[in-house]
C-alpha atoms as a PDB file:
ATOM      1  CA  MET A   1     133.186 191.863  52.498  1.00  0.00           C
ATOM      2  CA  ASN A   2     133.327 189.869  55.711  1.00  0.00           C
ATOM      3  CA  ILE A   3     134.005 190.377  59.401  1.00  0.00           C
ATOM      4  CA  GLU A   4     137.611 189.192  59.099  1.00  0.00           C
ATOM      5  CA  VAL A   5     138.459 192.302  57.051  1.00  0.00           C
ATOM      6  CA  ILE A   6     137.599 194.474  60.049  1.00  0.00           C
ATOM      7  CA  GLN A   7     139.298 192.147  62.511  1.00  0.00           C
ATOM      8  CA  GLN A   8     142.559 192.338  60.525  1.00  0.00           C
ATOM      9  CA  PHE A   9     142.547 196.154  60.512  1.00  0.00           C
ATOM     10  CA  PRO A  10     140.016 197.342  63.103  1.00  0.00           C
ATOM     11  CA  VAL A  11     140.145 201.086  62.402  1.00  0.00           C
ATOM     12  CA  ILE A  12     137.441 202.171  59.952  1.00  0.00           C
ATOM     13  CA  ALA A  13     137.492 205.620  58.354  1.00  0.00           C
ATOM     14  CA  SER A  14     134.202 207.514  58.594  1.00  0.00           C
ATOM     15  CA  VAL A  15     134.369 210.187  55.912  1.00  0.00           C
ATOM     16  CA  VAL A  16     132.126 213.262  55.889  1.00  0.00           C
ATOM     17  CA  ASP A  17     133.656 215.258  53.025  1.00  0.00           C
ATOM     18  CA  GLU A  18     136.191 215.167  50.184  1.00  0.00           C
ATOM     19  CA  GLU A  19     139.083 216.073  52.476  1.00  0.00           C
ATOM     20  CA  ASP A  20     138.309 213.119  54.767  1.00  0.00           C
ATOM     21  CA  LEU A  21     138.000 210.812  51.776  1.00  0.00           C
ATOM     22  CA  ALA A  22     141.377 211.887  50.359  1.00  0.00           C
ATOM     23  CA  LYS A  23     143.045 211.141  53.707  1.00  0.00           C
ATOM     24  CA  ALA A  24     141.284 207.786  54.043  1.00  0.00           C
ATOM     25  CA  LEU A  25     142.295 206.728  50.544  1.00  0.00           C
ATOM     26  CA  LYS A  26     145.960 207.377  51.396  1.00  0.00           C
ATOM     27  CA  SER A  27     145.721 205.639  54.771  1.00  0.00           C
ATOM     28  CA  GLU A  28     146.109 201.980  55.720  1.00  0.00           C
ATOM     29  CA  VAL A  29     142.394 201.489  56.488  1.00  0.00           C
ATOM     30  CA  SER A  30     140.635 198.678  54.653  1.00  0.00           C
ATOM     31  CA  VAL A  31     137.060 199.879  55.180  1.00  0.00           C
ATOM     32  CA  ILE A  32     135.554 203.310  54.609  1.00  0.00           C
ATOM     33  CA  PHE A  33     132.145 204.428  55.855  1.00  0.00           C
ATOM     34  CA  ILE A  34     130.680 207.084  53.532  1.00  0.00           C
ATOM     35  CA  LEU A  35     128.690 209.692  55.474  1.00  0.00           C
ATOM     36  CA  TYR A  36     128.290 212.369  52.808  1.00  0.00           C
ATOM     37  CA  GLY A  37     127.246 212.924  49.241  1.00  0.00           C
ATOM     38  CA  ASN A  38     124.058 212.646  47.274  1.00  0.00           C
ATOM     39  CA  ILE A  39     122.417 210.352  44.799  1.00  0.00           C
ATOM     40  CA  MET A  40     124.429 211.934  41.956  1.00  0.00           C
ATOM     41  CA  THR A  41     127.889 211.973  43.584  1.00  0.00           C
ATOM     42  CA  LEU A  42     127.788 208.655  45.435  1.00  0.00           C
ATOM     43  CA  PRO A  43     128.719 206.363  42.504  1.00  0.00           C
ATOM     44  CA  GLU A  44     131.956 208.298  41.937  1.00  0.00           C
ATOM     45  CA  ILE A  45     132.795 208.324  45.666  1.00  0.00           C
ATOM     46  CA  VAL A  46     132.368 204.547  45.827  1.00  0.00           C
ATOM     47  CA  ASN A  47     134.355 204.117  42.604  1.00  0.00           C
ATOM     48  CA  ARG A  48     137.321 206.019  44.059  1.00  0.00           C
ATOM     49  CA  ILE A  49     137.267 203.830  47.160  1.00  0.00           C
ATOM     50  CA  LYS A  50     137.068 200.626  45.141  1.00  0.00           C
ATOM     51  CA  LYS A  51     139.963 201.765  42.893  1.00  0.00           C
ATOM     52  CA  SER A  52     142.025 202.102  46.083  1.00  0.00           C
ATOM     53  CA  GLU A  53     141.191 198.460  46.874  1.00  0.00           C
ATOM     54  CA  LYS A  54     139.223 199.371  49.974  1.00  0.00           C
ATOM     55  CA  TYR A  55     135.709 198.403  50.993  1.00  0.00           C
ATOM     56  CA  ALA A  56     132.970 201.025  50.636  1.00  0.00           C
ATOM     57  CA  LEU A  57     129.984 201.039  52.972  1.00  0.00           C
ATOM     58  CA  VAL A  58     127.306 203.684  52.494  1.00  0.00           C
ATOM     59  CA  HIS A  59     125.574 205.207  55.492  1.00  0.00           C
ATOM     60  CA  LEU A  60     122.072 205.442  54.048  1.00  0.00           C
ATOM     61  CA  ASP A  61     120.906 207.963  56.640  1.00  0.00           C
ATOM     62  CA  PHE A  62     123.461 210.581  55.495  1.00  0.00           C
ATOM     63  CA  ILE A  63     123.105 210.532  51.698  1.00  0.00           C
ATOM     64  CA  ASP A  64     120.980 213.333  50.230  1.00  0.00           C
ATOM     65  CA  GLY A  65     118.177 212.057  48.021  1.00  0.00           C
ATOM     66  CA  PHE A  66     117.850 208.646  49.676  1.00  0.00           C
ATOM     67  CA  SER A  67     114.618 207.298  51.086  1.00  0.00           C
ATOM     68  CA  ASN A  68     113.735 204.486  53.461  1.00  0.00           C
ATOM     69  CA  HIS A  69     112.399 202.384  50.591  1.00  0.00           C
ATOM     70  CA  GLU A  70     114.096 199.096  49.710  1.00  0.00           C
ATOM     71  CA  SER A  71     114.684 200.268  46.133  1.00  0.00           C
ATOM     72  CA  ILE A  72     117.545 202.431  47.384  1.00  0.00           C
ATOM     73  CA  LEU A  73     119.389 199.201  48.196  1.00  0.00           C
ATOM     74  CA  ASP A  74     119.296 198.211  44.519  1.00  0.00           C
ATOM     75  CA  TYR A  75     120.798 201.597  43.652  1.00  0.00           C
ATOM     76  CA  VAL A  76     123.583 201.153  46.234  1.00  0.00           C
ATOM     77  CA  LYS A  77     124.348 197.618  45.022  1.00  0.00           C
ATOM     78  CA  ILE A  78     123.868 197.860  41.247  1.00  0.00           C
ATOM     79  CA  ILE A  79     124.631 201.484  40.361  1.00  0.00           C
ATOM     80  CA  CYS A  80     127.127 202.433  43.091  1.00  0.00           C
ATOM     81  CA  LYS A  81     128.646 198.949  43.492  1.00  0.00           C
ATOM     82  CA  ALA A  82     129.133 199.481  47.228  1.00  0.00           C
ATOM     83  CA  ASP A  83     130.027 196.573  49.494  1.00  0.00           C
ATOM     84  CA  GLY A  84     127.479 197.321  52.163  1.00  0.00           C
ATOM     85  CA  ILE A  85     125.361 199.719  54.132  1.00  0.00           C
ATOM     86  CA  ILE A  86     125.154 201.296  57.555  1.00  0.00           C
ATOM     87  CA  THR A  87     121.785 202.474  58.814  1.00  0.00           C
ATOM     88  CA  THR A  88     119.639 203.088  61.858  1.00  0.00           C
ATOM     89  CA  LYS A  89     116.629 201.922  59.811  1.00  0.00           C
ATOM     90  CA  ARG A  90     115.893 198.394  60.952  1.00  0.00           C
ATOM     91  CA  ASN A  91     113.570 197.706  58.018  1.00  0.00           C
ATOM     92  CA  LEU A  92     116.488 197.895  55.561  1.00  0.00           C
ATOM     93  CA  ILE A  93     118.815 195.344  57.200  1.00  0.00           C
ATOM     94  CA  ALA A  94     117.246 192.070  55.999  1.00  0.00           C
ATOM     95  CA  PRO A  95     116.559 193.347  52.449  1.00  0.00           C
ATOM     96  CA  ALA A  96     120.163 194.574  52.221  1.00  0.00           C
ATOM     97  CA  LYS A  97     121.475 191.149  53.213  1.00  0.00           C
ATOM     98  CA  LYS A  98     119.186 189.478  50.645  1.00  0.00           C
ATOM     99  CA  ARG A  99     120.833 191.638  47.986  1.00  0.00           C
ATOM    100  CA  GLY A 100     124.302 190.549  49.092  1.00  0.00           C
ATOM    101  CA  LEU A 101     125.151 193.808  50.833  1.00  0.00           C
ATOM    102  CA  PHE A 102     127.018 193.725  54.132  1.00  0.00           C
ATOM    103  CA  ALA A 103     124.567 195.243  56.636  1.00  0.00           C
ATOM    104  CA  ILE A 104     125.551 197.218  59.729  1.00  0.00           C
ATOM    105  CA  LEU A 105     122.899 198.413  62.151  1.00  0.00           C
ATOM    106  CA  ARG A 106     123.941 201.653  63.878  1.00  0.00           C
ATOM    107  CA  PHE A 107     122.469 202.056  67.352  1.00  0.00           C
ATOM    108  CA  PHE A 108     122.766 204.831  69.922  1.00  0.00           C
ATOM    109  CA  THR A 109     122.911 203.686  73.546  1.00  0.00           C
ATOM    110  CA  VAL A 110     121.581 206.240  75.988  1.00  0.00           C
ATOM    111  CA  ASP A 111     120.664 204.135  79.010  1.00  0.00           C
ATOM    112  CA  TYR A 112     120.251 200.529  80.164  1.00  0.00           C
ATOM    113  CA  THR A 113     116.793 200.315  78.624  1.00  0.00           C
ATOM    114  CA  SER A 114     118.348 200.875  75.212  1.00  0.00           C
ATOM    115  CA  ILE A 115     120.638 197.865  75.731  1.00  0.00           C
ATOM    116  CA  GLY A 116     117.623 195.598  76.105  1.00  0.00           C
ATOM    117  CA  LYS A 117     116.012 197.147  73.033  1.00  0.00           C
ATOM    118  CA  LEU A 118     119.166 196.577  71.021  1.00  0.00           C
ATOM    119  CA  CYS A 119     119.314 192.911  72.046  1.00  0.00           C
ATOM    120  CA  GLU A 120     115.719 192.435  70.848  1.00  0.00           C
ATOM    121  CA  LEU A 121     116.427 194.328  67.642  1.00  0.00           C
ATOM    122  CA  VAL A 122     119.487 192.227  66.815  1.00  0.00           C
ATOM    123  CA  GLN A 123     117.430 189.055  67.272  1.00  0.00           C
ATOM    124  CA  ALA A 124     114.722 190.401  64.988  1.00  0.00           C
ATOM    125  CA  VAL A 125     116.719 191.897  62.095  1.00  0.00           C
ATOM    126  CA  LYS A 126     120.008 189.927  62.285  1.00  0.00           C
ATOM    127  CA  PRO A 127     122.549 192.485  61.029  1.00  0.00           C
ATOM    128  CA  ASP A 128     126.053 191.372  60.105  1.00  0.00           C
ATOM    129  CA  ILE A 129     127.467 193.827  62.666  1.00  0.00           C
ATOM    130  CA  VAL A 130     126.099 196.316  65.174  1.00  0.00           C
ATOM    131  CA  GLU A 131     127.768 199.713  65.434  1.00  0.00           C
ATOM    132  CA  VAL A 132     127.278 200.947  68.995  1.00  0.00           C
ATOM    133  CA  MET A 133     127.514 204.653  69.676  1.00  0.00           C
ATOM    134  CA  PRO A 134     129.115 206.346  71.452  1.00  0.00           C
ATOM    135  CA  ALA A 135     132.292 204.270  71.380  1.00  0.00           C
ATOM    136  CA  LEU A 136     133.411 205.577  74.759  1.00  0.00           C
ATOM    137  CA  ALA A 137     130.723 203.475  76.454  1.00  0.00           C
ATOM    138  CA  THR A 138     133.047 200.523  76.993  1.00  0.00           C
ATOM    139  CA  LYS A 139     130.871 199.145  79.793  1.00  0.00           C
ATOM    140  CA  VAL A 140     127.992 198.959  77.312  1.00  0.00           C
ATOM    141  CA  ILE A 141     130.189 197.164  74.776  1.00  0.00           C
ATOM    142  CA  GLU A 142     131.219 194.606  77.408  1.00  0.00           C
ATOM    143  CA  GLU A 143     127.598 193.978  78.394  1.00  0.00           C
ATOM    144  CA  LEU A 144     126.382 193.697  74.810  1.00  0.00           C
ATOM    145  CA  LYS A 145     129.204 191.302  73.953  1.00  0.00           C
ATOM    146  CA  GLU A 146     127.717 188.923  76.539  1.00  0.00           C
ATOM    147  CA  LYS A 147     124.128 189.340  75.296  1.00  0.00           C
ATOM    148  CA  ILE A 148     124.270 189.328  71.496  1.00  0.00           C
ATOM    149  CA  SER A 149     125.975 187.016  69.022  1.00  0.00           C
ATOM    150  CA  VAL A 150     126.591 189.736  66.420  1.00  0.00           C
ATOM    151  CA  PRO A 151     130.034 191.398  66.263  1.00  0.00           C
ATOM    152  CA  ILE A 152     130.245 194.983  67.512  1.00  0.00           C
ATOM    153  CA  ILE A 153     131.905 198.062  66.042  1.00  0.00           C
ATOM    154  CA  ALA A 154     132.329 201.033  68.388  1.00  0.00           C
ATOM    155  CA  GLY A 155     131.726 204.416  66.790  1.00  0.00           C
ATOM    156  CA  GLY A 156     131.740 208.074  67.653  1.00  0.00           C
ATOM    157  CA  LEU A 157     133.723 210.424  69.873  1.00  0.00           C
ATOM    158  CA  LEU A 158     137.043 208.565  69.594  1.00  0.00           C
ATOM    159  CA  ASN A 159     140.018 210.926  69.699  1.00  0.00           C
ATOM    160  CA  SER A 160     143.006 208.872  70.782  1.00  0.00           C
ATOM    161  CA  LYS A 161     144.744 205.550  70.440  1.00  0.00           C
ATOM    162  CA  LYS A 162     143.971 204.913  74.119  1.00  0.00           C
ATOM    163  CA  GLU A 163     140.222 205.251  73.437  1.00  0.00           C
ATOM    164  CA  VAL A 164     140.471 202.973  70.401  1.00  0.00           C
ATOM    165  CA  ASN A 165     142.313 200.339  72.455  1.00  0.00           C
ATOM    166  CA  ALA A 166     139.731 200.614  75.259  1.00  0.00           C
ATOM    167  CA  ALA A 167     136.863 199.948  72.838  1.00  0.00           C
ATOM    168  CA  LEU A 168     138.707 196.988  71.304  1.00  0.00           C
ATOM    169  CA  SER A 169     139.594 195.627  74.763  1.00  0.00           C
ATOM    170  CA  ALA A 170     135.941 195.880  75.771  1.00  0.00           C
ATOM    171  CA  GLY A 171     135.027 193.501  72.953  1.00  0.00           C
ATOM    172  CA  ALA A 172     134.475 195.563  69.802  1.00  0.00           C
ATOM    173  CA  ILE A 173     135.985 193.998  66.666  1.00  0.00           C
ATOM    174  CA  GLY A 174     136.561 197.430  65.166  1.00  0.00           C
ATOM    175  CA  VAL A 175     136.077 201.155  65.620  1.00  0.00           C
ATOM    176  CA  SER A 176     134.787 203.788  63.221  1.00  0.00           C
ATOM    177  CA  ALA A 177     136.366 207.178  63.549  1.00  0.00           C
ATOM    178  CA  GLY A 178     136.434 210.444  61.704  1.00  0.00           C
ATOM    179  CA  LYS A 179     139.834 211.430  63.104  1.00  0.00           C
END
């Protein structure tokens, strides 16, 4: 997977259950973020996504039975055959990239101090993309776009096409949304 995939179709489906997955598989999205399941069900979830010729990225923080140990990355890559990961765990970004997984660092912005912390974090761990939450913070996206060289995905709390367009206009290359 590469950044151009998201740039060509910037809406990413974030799925939290089977119903969401069924809708995403029938949709035009190219990328699906998996935010549910467990160590036993994940390989089949990824397989269904791959059969639909879509990219599967696993949010490590949401899968039951996963740990913060690097060995989980081997499971995601070799057993599940996922294309990449999303995580808030900075220690898993570089090892994921070494394994050939696309690595997205999810980060919650709460104030201006967090923007500075994110800039430092991006320099240190070098993710492929940063997912900034909440997506409605377009001012934050604009500021980060000037300060970091990593592409940005806006995620969370998007409910309308207008909000999606605002995040993209602010400089995000894509948006992740559950609706």
